[in-house]
Amino acid sequence: YRDLASGGVALITTSYASVSKKGQALANMLSFGDGADEEGLKKLSGTVHDEGAKIMAQLVHAGSNRMFDPGFPAEGPSAVPHRMSQVTPVQMSADDISQVIKDYAVAAARAVEYGYDAVQIHAAHEYLLSSFLSPFSNNRTDQYGGSIENRARLLFEVYRAVRDVVGNDYPVTVKINIRDFYDDGITAD
């Protein structure tokens, strides 16, 4: 990060950082969730700032796209095995969905507190928010499934919760796929 910042990069996006223990893709990944390494995350943003650059925290919930077994089931929109990890998630309840929204908001608030200049909501690469968007992995029949408006509902709710805690003048971006590259997934249309 120091080399990038000192080399003229204006804005650095962190590697994906989990919003909760349930949202981890890897056992030792960067996290803005509960148990976040406040000192380390502040040191990272300070190091980048010392070199004259800005830093954006990329926030993610892995859903069933995880590469380790934390000892509890993965969460997802529906009980559809993930194409890469082959992990079959449990279908999330309304309470689970509410918790994910809160987790993103808390993680974003921590990013602000720890000196990050922006946050990015990771809704791509078949992680949780992307899984909700995809007709392949989202078979729900409630307000979070079916039409694209319903499948996008969680992403919009996460965005609103993040925006509420960071304010209107703080940069919030969203990373999103335009296709999943398989027939029954997200398409450009």
C-alpha atoms as a PDB file:
ATOM      1  CA  TYR A   1       0.000   0.000   0.000  1.00  0.00           C
ATOM      2  CA  ARG A   2       2.843   2.380   0.815  1.00  0.00           C
ATOM      3  CA  ASP A   3       4.493   1.677  -2.546  1.00  0.00           C
ATOM      4  CA  LEU A   4       1.250   2.297  -4.423  1.00  0.00           C
ATOM      5  CA  ALA A   5       0.560   5.508  -2.524  1.00  0.00           C
ATOM      6  CA  SER A   6       4.093   6.853  -2.947  1.00  0.00           C
ATOM      7  CA  GLY A   7       4.132   5.846  -6.608  1.00  0.00           C
ATOM      8  CA  GLY A   8       1.466   8.313  -7.644  1.00  0.00           C
ATOM      9  CA  VAL A   9      -1.743   6.333  -7.219  1.00  0.00           C
ATOM     10  CA  ALA A  10      -4.442   8.791  -6.166  1.00  0.00           C
ATOM     11  CA  LEU A  11      -6.979   6.347  -4.668  1.00  0.00           C
ATOM     12  CA  ILE A  12      -6.316   2.839  -3.394  1.00  0.00           C
ATOM     13  CA  THR A  13      -9.133   0.382  -2.790  1.00  0.00           C
ATOM     14  CA  THR A  14      -8.357  -2.134  -0.068  1.00  0.00           C
ATOM     15  CA  SER A  15      -8.696  -5.818  -0.712  1.00  0.00           C
ATOM     16  CA  TYR A  16     -12.171  -7.031   0.132  1.00  0.00           C
ATOM     17  CA  ALA A  17     -12.874  -6.665   3.826  1.00  0.00           C
ATOM     18  CA  SER A  18     -15.623  -8.548   5.615  1.00  0.00           C
ATOM     19  CA  VAL A  19     -18.462  -6.801   7.387  1.00  0.00           C
ATOM     20  CA  SER A  20     -18.924  -9.654   9.895  1.00  0.00           C
ATOM     21  CA  LYS A  21     -17.566 -13.030  10.958  1.00  0.00           C
ATOM     22  CA  LYS A  22     -20.400 -14.662   8.994  1.00  0.00           C
ATOM     23  CA  GLY A  23     -19.326 -12.639   5.982  1.00  0.00           C
ATOM     24  CA  GLN A  24     -15.707 -13.804   5.835  1.00  0.00           C
ATOM     25  CA  ALA A  25     -14.469 -15.455   2.642  1.00  0.00           C
ATOM     26  CA  LEU A  26     -11.098 -16.369   4.178  1.00  0.00           C
ATOM     27  CA  ALA A  27     -10.101 -17.130   7.752  1.00  0.00           C
ATOM     28  CA  ASN A  28      -7.635 -14.239   8.075  1.00  0.00           C
ATOM     29  CA  MET A  29      -9.089 -11.642   5.747  1.00  0.00           C
ATOM     30  CA  LEU A  30      -9.228  -7.921   6.387  1.00  0.00           C
ATOM     31  CA  SER A  31     -12.356  -7.028   8.367  1.00  0.00           C
ATOM     32  CA  PHE A  32     -14.318  -3.984   9.444  1.00  0.00           C
ATOM     33  CA  GLY A  33     -16.725  -6.278  11.326  1.00  0.00           C
ATOM     34  CA  ASP A  34     -16.831  -7.208  14.995  1.00  0.00           C
ATOM     35  CA  GLY A  35     -13.315  -7.734  16.277  1.00  0.00           C
ATOM     36  CA  ALA A  36     -11.838  -5.446  13.606  1.00  0.00           C
ATOM     37  CA  ASP A  37      -8.184  -4.588  14.143  1.00  0.00           C
ATOM     38  CA  GLU A  38      -8.761  -0.890  14.836  1.00  0.00           C
ATOM     39  CA  GLU A  39      -5.073  -0.124  15.315  1.00  0.00           C
ATOM     40  CA  GLY A  40      -4.026  -1.956  12.140  1.00  0.00           C
ATOM     41  CA  LEU A  41      -6.796  -0.428  10.015  1.00  0.00           C
ATOM     42  CA  LYS A  42      -5.926   3.072  11.257  1.00  0.00           C
ATOM     43  CA  LYS A  43      -2.250   2.408  10.553  1.00  0.00           C
ATOM     44  CA  LEU A  44      -3.133   1.350   6.994  1.00  0.00           C
ATOM     45  CA  SER A  45      -5.165   4.486   6.247  1.00  0.00           C
ATOM     46  CA  GLY A  46      -2.514   6.672   7.929  1.00  0.00           C
ATOM     47  CA  THR A  47       0.277   5.110   5.891  1.00  0.00           C
ATOM     48  CA  VAL A  48      -1.575   5.786   2.638  1.00  0.00           C
ATOM     49  CA  HIS A  49      -2.363   9.352   3.709  1.00  0.00           C
ATOM     50  CA  ASP A  50       1.260   9.957   4.724  1.00  0.00           C
ATOM     51  CA  GLU A  51       2.239   9.211   1.114  1.00  0.00           C
ATOM     52  CA  GLY A  52      -0.327  11.664  -0.278  1.00  0.00           C
ATOM     53  CA  ALA A  53      -2.995   9.246  -1.497  1.00  0.00           C
ATOM     54  CA  LYS A  54      -6.557   8.403  -0.499  1.00  0.00           C
ATOM     55  CA  ILE A  55      -7.890   4.993   0.531  1.00  0.00           C
ATOM     56  CA  MET A  56     -11.285   3.333   0.067  1.00  0.00           C
ATOM     57  CA  ALA A  57     -12.483   0.380   2.170  1.00  0.00           C
ATOM     58  CA  GLN A  58     -14.081  -2.366   0.062  1.00  0.00           C
ATOM     59  CA  LEU A  59     -16.814  -3.989   2.190  1.00  0.00           C
ATOM     60  CA  VAL A  60     -18.113  -7.489   1.483  1.00  0.00           C
ATOM     61  CA  HIS A  61     -20.207 -10.323   2.856  1.00  0.00           C
ATOM     62  CA  ALA A  62     -18.993 -13.533   1.214  1.00  0.00           C
ATOM     63  CA  GLY A  63     -22.277 -15.430   1.470  1.00  0.00           C
ATOM     64  CA  SER A  64     -21.492 -18.948   0.215  1.00  0.00           C
ATOM     65  CA  ASN A  65     -18.426 -17.788  -1.750  1.00  0.00           C
ATOM     66  CA  ARG A  66     -16.000 -18.688   0.987  1.00  0.00           C
ATOM     67  CA  MET A  67     -12.851 -20.745   0.968  1.00  0.00           C
ATOM     68  CA  PHE A  68     -12.771 -22.093   4.536  1.00  0.00           C
ATOM     69  CA  ASP A  69     -15.071 -23.707   7.085  1.00  0.00           C
ATOM     70  CA  PRO A  70     -15.677 -21.360  10.030  1.00  0.00           C
ATOM     71  CA  GLY A  71     -17.861 -23.929  11.792  1.00  0.00           C
ATOM     72  CA  PHE A  72     -21.253 -22.449  10.932  1.00  0.00           C
ATOM     73  CA  PRO A  73     -23.370 -22.537   7.776  1.00  0.00           C
ATOM     74  CA  ALA A  74     -22.956 -20.049   4.973  1.00  0.00           C
ATOM     75  CA  GLU A  75     -25.830 -17.651   4.265  1.00  0.00           C
ATOM     76  CA  GLY A  76     -27.432 -16.974   0.926  1.00  0.00           C
ATOM     77  CA  PRO A  77     -30.620 -15.869  -0.772  1.00  0.00           C
ATOM     78  CA  SER A  78     -31.563 -19.515  -1.445  1.00  0.00           C
ATOM     79  CA  ALA A  79     -30.138 -22.974  -0.755  1.00  0.00           C
ATOM     80  CA  VAL A  80     -28.363 -23.157  -4.119  1.00  0.00           C
ATOM     81  CA  PRO A  81     -24.780 -24.514  -4.164  1.00  0.00           C
ATOM     82  CA  HIS A  82     -22.235 -21.873  -5.075  1.00  0.00           C
ATOM     83  CA  ARG A  83     -20.718 -22.609  -8.490  1.00  0.00           C
ATOM     84  CA  MET A  84     -17.103 -22.155  -7.386  1.00  0.00           C
ATOM     85  CA  SER A  85     -16.972 -23.007  -3.688  1.00  0.00           C
ATOM     86  CA  GLN A  86     -19.693 -25.692  -3.937  1.00  0.00           C
ATOM     87  CA  VAL A  87     -20.909 -24.489  -0.517  1.00  0.00           C
ATOM     88  CA  THR A  88     -24.691 -24.733  -0.149  1.00  0.00           C
ATOM     89  CA  PRO A  89     -25.929 -21.822   1.980  1.00  0.00           C
ATOM     90  CA  VAL A  90     -28.944 -21.748   4.244  1.00  0.00           C
ATOM     91  CA  GLN A  91     -31.657 -19.448   2.945  1.00  0.00           C
ATOM     92  CA  MET A  92     -31.556 -16.225   4.917  1.00  0.00           C
ATOM     93  CA  SER A  93     -34.497 -15.212   7.070  1.00  0.00           C
ATOM     94  CA  ALA A  94     -35.807 -11.661   7.342  1.00  0.00           C
ATOM     95  CA  ASP A  95     -33.807 -11.311  10.586  1.00  0.00           C
ATOM     96  CA  ASP A  96     -30.635 -12.533   8.847  1.00  0.00           C
ATOM     97  CA  ILE A  97     -31.140  -9.970   6.084  1.00  0.00           C
ATOM     98  CA  SER A  98     -31.682  -7.185   8.629  1.00  0.00           C
ATOM     99  CA  GLN A  99     -28.458  -8.185  10.371  1.00  0.00           C
ATOM    100  CA  VAL A 100     -26.472  -8.027   7.124  1.00  0.00           C
ATOM    101  CA  ILE A 101     -27.796  -4.517   6.475  1.00  0.00           C
ATOM    102  CA  LYS A 102     -26.732  -3.476   9.985  1.00  0.00           C
ATOM    103  CA  ASP A 103     -23.324  -5.139   9.527  1.00  0.00           C
ATOM    104  CA  TYR A 104     -22.625  -3.095   6.400  1.00  0.00           C
ATOM    105  CA  ALA A 105     -23.653   0.114   8.165  1.00  0.00           C
ATOM    106  CA  VAL A 106     -21.462  -0.605  11.210  1.00  0.00           C
ATOM    107  CA  ALA A 107     -18.510  -1.527   8.990  1.00  0.00           C
ATOM    108  CA  ALA A 108     -18.926   1.700   6.990  1.00  0.00           C
ATOM    109  CA  ALA A 109     -19.064   3.747  10.196  1.00  0.00           C
ATOM    110  CA  ARG A 110     -15.838   2.091  11.319  1.00  0.00           C
ATOM    111  CA  ALA A 111     -14.199   2.909   7.989  1.00  0.00           C
ATOM    112  CA  VAL A 112     -15.038   6.586   8.515  1.00  0.00           C
ATOM    113  CA  GLU A 113     -13.825   6.460  12.122  1.00  0.00           C
ATOM    114  CA  TYR A 114     -10.564   4.757  11.067  1.00  0.00           C
ATOM    115  CA  GLY A 115      -9.742   7.441   8.507  1.00  0.00           C
ATOM    116  CA  TYR A 116     -10.853   5.901   5.203  1.00  0.00           C
ATOM    117  CA  ASP A 117     -11.809   8.383   2.510  1.00  0.00           C
ATOM    118  CA  ALA A 118     -14.573   6.317   0.876  1.00  0.00           C
ATOM    119  CA  VAL A 119     -16.281   2.931   1.037  1.00  0.00           C
ATOM    120  CA  GLN A 120     -17.167   0.510  -1.702  1.00  0.00           C
ATOM    121  CA  ILE A 121     -20.047  -1.932  -1.334  1.00  0.00           C
ATOM    122  CA  HIS A 122     -18.894  -5.137  -3.017  1.00  0.00           C
ATOM    123  CA  ALA A 123     -21.882  -6.558  -4.922  1.00  0.00           C
ATOM    124  CA  ALA A 124     -19.986  -8.594  -7.521  1.00  0.00           C
ATOM    125  CA  HIS A 125     -18.234 -11.941  -8.058  1.00  0.00           C
ATOM    126  CA  GLU A 126     -21.008 -14.077  -6.579  1.00  0.00           C
ATOM    127  CA  TYR A 127     -20.554 -12.788  -3.048  1.00  0.00           C
ATOM    128  CA  LEU A 128     -23.754 -12.319  -1.023  1.00  0.00           C
ATOM    129  CA  LEU A 129     -25.158  -9.151  -2.608  1.00  0.00           C
ATOM    130  CA  SER A 130     -24.336 -10.456  -6.072  1.00  0.00           C
ATOM    131  CA  SER A 131     -26.046 -13.754  -5.199  1.00  0.00           C
ATOM    132  CA  PHE A 132     -29.213 -11.853  -4.356  1.00  0.00           C
ATOM    133  CA  LEU A 133     -29.042 -10.110  -7.741  1.00  0.00           C
ATOM    134  CA  SER A 134     -28.602 -13.353  -9.690  1.00  0.00           C
ATOM    135  CA  PRO A 135     -31.640 -15.345 -10.846  1.00  0.00           C
ATOM    136  CA  PHE A 136     -29.396 -18.437 -10.668  1.00  0.00           C
ATOM    137  CA  SER A 137     -28.754 -18.255  -6.927  1.00  0.00           C
ATOM    138  CA  ASN A 138     -31.883 -16.348  -5.871  1.00  0.00           C
ATOM    139  CA  ASN A 139     -35.029 -18.513  -6.008  1.00  0.00           C
ATOM    140  CA  ARG A 140     -36.876 -16.554  -3.337  1.00  0.00           C
ATOM    141  CA  THR A 141     -40.573 -15.812  -3.657  1.00  0.00           C
ATOM    142  CA  ASP A 142     -40.696 -12.974  -1.124  1.00  0.00           C
ATOM    143  CA  GLN A 143     -39.821  -9.275  -1.530  1.00  0.00           C
ATOM    144  CA  TYR A 144     -36.142 -10.231  -2.135  1.00  0.00           C
ATOM    145  CA  GLY A 145     -36.760 -12.589  -5.079  1.00  0.00           C
ATOM    146  CA  GLY A 146     -38.366 -12.781  -8.486  1.00  0.00           C
ATOM    147  CA  SER A 147     -38.159  -9.498 -10.401  1.00  0.00           C
ATOM    148  CA  ILE A 148     -34.889  -7.612 -10.755  1.00  0.00           C
ATOM    149  CA  GLU A 149     -36.366  -4.871  -8.553  1.00  0.00           C
ATOM    150  CA  ASN A 150     -36.900  -7.417  -5.775  1.00  0.00           C
ATOM    151  CA  ARG A 151     -33.533  -9.121  -6.275  1.00  0.00           C
ATOM    152  CA  ALA A 152     -31.844  -5.684  -6.065  1.00  0.00           C
ATOM    153  CA  ARG A 153     -33.760  -4.711  -2.919  1.00  0.00           C
ATOM    154  CA  LEU A 154     -31.055  -5.878  -0.488  1.00  0.00           C
ATOM    155  CA  LEU A 155     -28.343  -3.952  -2.325  1.00  0.00           C
ATOM    156  CA  PHE A 156     -30.436  -0.772  -2.187  1.00  0.00           C
ATOM    157  CA  GLU A 157     -31.203  -1.333   1.509  1.00  0.00           C
ATOM    158  CA  VAL A 158     -27.509  -1.837   2.246  1.00  0.00           C
ATOM    159  CA  TYR A 159     -26.665   1.323   0.286  1.00  0.00           C
ATOM    160  CA  ARG A 160     -29.283   3.376   2.183  1.00  0.00           C
ATOM    161  CA  ALA A 161     -28.050   2.082   5.550  1.00  0.00           C
ATOM    162  CA  VAL A 162     -24.447   2.890   4.643  1.00  0.00           C
ATOM    163  CA  ARG A 163     -25.420   6.332   3.324  1.00  0.00           C
ATOM    164  CA  ASP A 164     -27.346   7.026   6.549  1.00  0.00           C
ATOM    165  CA  VAL A 165     -24.237   6.459   8.690  1.00  0.00           C
ATOM    166  CA  VAL A 166     -21.634   8.129   6.462  1.00  0.00           C
ATOM    167  CA  GLY A 167     -23.684  11.158   5.407  1.00  0.00           C
ATOM    168  CA  ASN A 168     -24.423  12.647   2.025  1.00  0.00           C
ATOM    169  CA  ASP A 169     -20.957  14.085   1.342  1.00  0.00           C
ATOM    170  CA  TYR A 170     -18.943  10.908   1.925  1.00  0.00           C
ATOM    171  CA  PRO A 171     -18.087   8.879  -1.202  1.00  0.00           C
ATOM    172  CA  VAL A 172     -19.877   5.512  -1.486  1.00  0.00           C
ATOM    173  CA  THR A 173     -19.328   3.335  -4.546  1.00  0.00           C
ATOM    174  CA  VAL A 174     -20.774  -0.026  -5.568  1.00  0.00           C
ATOM    175  CA  LYS A 175     -18.870  -2.774  -7.369  1.00  0.00           C
ATOM    176  CA  ILE A 176     -21.295  -4.774  -9.494  1.00  0.00           C
ATOM    177  CA  ASN A 177     -21.210  -7.359 -12.293  1.00  0.00           C
ATOM    178  CA  ILE A 178     -23.090  -6.836 -15.505  1.00  0.00           C
ATOM    179  CA  ARG A 179     -23.090 -10.595 -16.108  1.00  0.00           C
ATOM    180  CA  ASP A 180     -22.298 -13.862 -14.330  1.00  0.00           C
ATOM    181  CA  PHE A 181     -21.037 -15.518 -17.524  1.00  0.00           C
ATOM    182  CA  TYR A 182     -23.524 -18.373 -17.400  1.00  0.00           C
ATOM    183  CA  ASP A 183     -26.911 -18.605 -19.040  1.00  0.00           C
ATOM    184  CA  ASP A 184     -29.122 -18.627 -15.961  1.00  0.00           C
ATOM    185  CA  GLY A 185     -27.329 -15.847 -14.094  1.00  0.00           C
ATOM    186  CA  ILE A 186     -27.119 -12.074 -14.397  1.00  0.00           C
ATOM    187  CA  THR A 187     -27.017 -10.897 -18.008  1.00  0.00           C
ATOM    188  CA  ALA A 188     -26.289  -7.528 -19.588  1.00  0.00           C
ATOM    189  CA  ASP A 189     -30.017  -7.168 -20.323  1.00  0.00           C
END
